Amino acid sequence: MTKLNLSSHHLTYGVQIMSINDRVLSYIDSNRAEIIAFMQKLIQTESVTGNESKIGRLMAEECRKDGLEVELVEPAEGRTSVVATYHGTTGKPRVMMYSHYDTVPPGDLNAWTYPPYSGKMADGKIWGRGASDNKVATCGLTMAFRALKNLGIKLKGDVIFTHVSDEERGGRYGFKYILDKGYGDGVDCLFYGHGGSGKDIGIAANGSRGCVIKVKGRAAHTARLEEGVNAVVKAAELIQRLRVLADEVNRRRYRLPGTDTVMVSRFSMNKCVGYVASNIVPDSCEVHIDRRFTPAETTQQIEEEIQRVLEGLKAKDPEFNAELSFSSGMELSVSPADSEIVKSIQRVAEKVVGFKPRPAGGSHSSDHGWFVSKHHKPVASYGIGGSGTHMANEHVSVEDVILTTKAYALLMLDLLGPE
């Protein structure tokens, strides 16, 4: 992968950045109320995946206030993403900075202490759906750039802010679509803003594939069930065999080079449905599998392992008949542990939180895999704070919102260089 070489850039601007850093941090502390109010506004703007137009237009308006060149990207009705570009004085380096603002649904409203779209501030925290995943990053990137702009600080490099929809469903109507339209062309690296512990810099994520196995039977009246072939019964035996494979897969470990972290393979059967009616032997039953894979595995291997299970069952039971299909999921994402963007985040974090975070891989999947597979440039993800992701009572501390804003502002200075 291409390395972003900023060593001479840092030598040239090191002293200057030190004094600018102090101004930026002081400005953010002095404007806490505005930052927190904006975070609350984002939470109060409902943006469940599939209905992101309202928050997209809000973000477009906010980015225009800051003088950015704004484009709304809408591949389908209600699926709104924002691309907001800052043109630096030299245009080098060119960095994409990403956040997603779509969220999962709130679930059981009675499980929430405060309403999920209230943005309530209590006990030093801001409560609501999206607080951790991922509006803390959307707020942080927006308010970080606003701090630089209001202080009159110009950057040498270009920034392409991408605030996107559809991350929770894989990014085909969000980040992938944006990349397919060419907005990532010429970008040197991607920074992915996200809630987090502040201790890790994400540089790798599992790929994912969805799998559906349609087990076929033969319908019959249950009064004459011997005339049918019960697809649910056949699927039940299949599930038992798949469980053996799943147990083996879920024991697999991959040590990510350059880090002390381990990525884990995942195989989970998440759905089985075959009902027709209470008096009919079902002639079809579907088993749905979520498969997450590490860099040590291939998509061909994944397909062959499942196919062998089907063939083994067919050899034992001539009546067994099944169709296997895969969906593309998300691409594997692996970036170097020693890339310049990782080093930049480490420098910034030491100033803001007092320690150097470590590069790490995760067993989740992420839409930044679309960037790596298309552009083969480094990605790094970092964030501070947030708890209760995809759960009731999701929240983020007020202090972590401020720390995130500080970290992102100093990262822009470190990566792009002040004029």
Foldseek 3Di string as FASTA:
>chain_A
DDFADCVVVCVVCVVVLVVVLVQLLVLLVVCLVVLLVVLLVLLLDAAAFPAHPVVLVVLQVLLVVLVWDWDWQFPDPRFTKIKTKDAAPAAPPEEEEEAESHFHDQPDQVVAPDGQNRLDQDPQWGWHTCAQRFSLQVSLLSLLSSSCSVVVWTFHHMYIYIYGGDFVPFAPRTDLVCVVVPPCPNHQEYEYEGADAQQEKEFWEWFKKKKKKKKFKAKDFQVPCVVIGARVVLVVVLVVLVVVVQVVQQPDWDQAPPFREIAGKGKDFDDKDFDDDPGMRGGIMMIMIMTTHAPVDDPVVVVVVSVVSQVVSCVVPVNIDIDMDMDRGAATGGFDQPHPLLVLLQVLSCVLVNGGHGYYYYHHGGNCNSVCVVPVHTYIYGAHFWDQGVHHGTITGSVRSSSSSSSSSSSSCSRGNTD
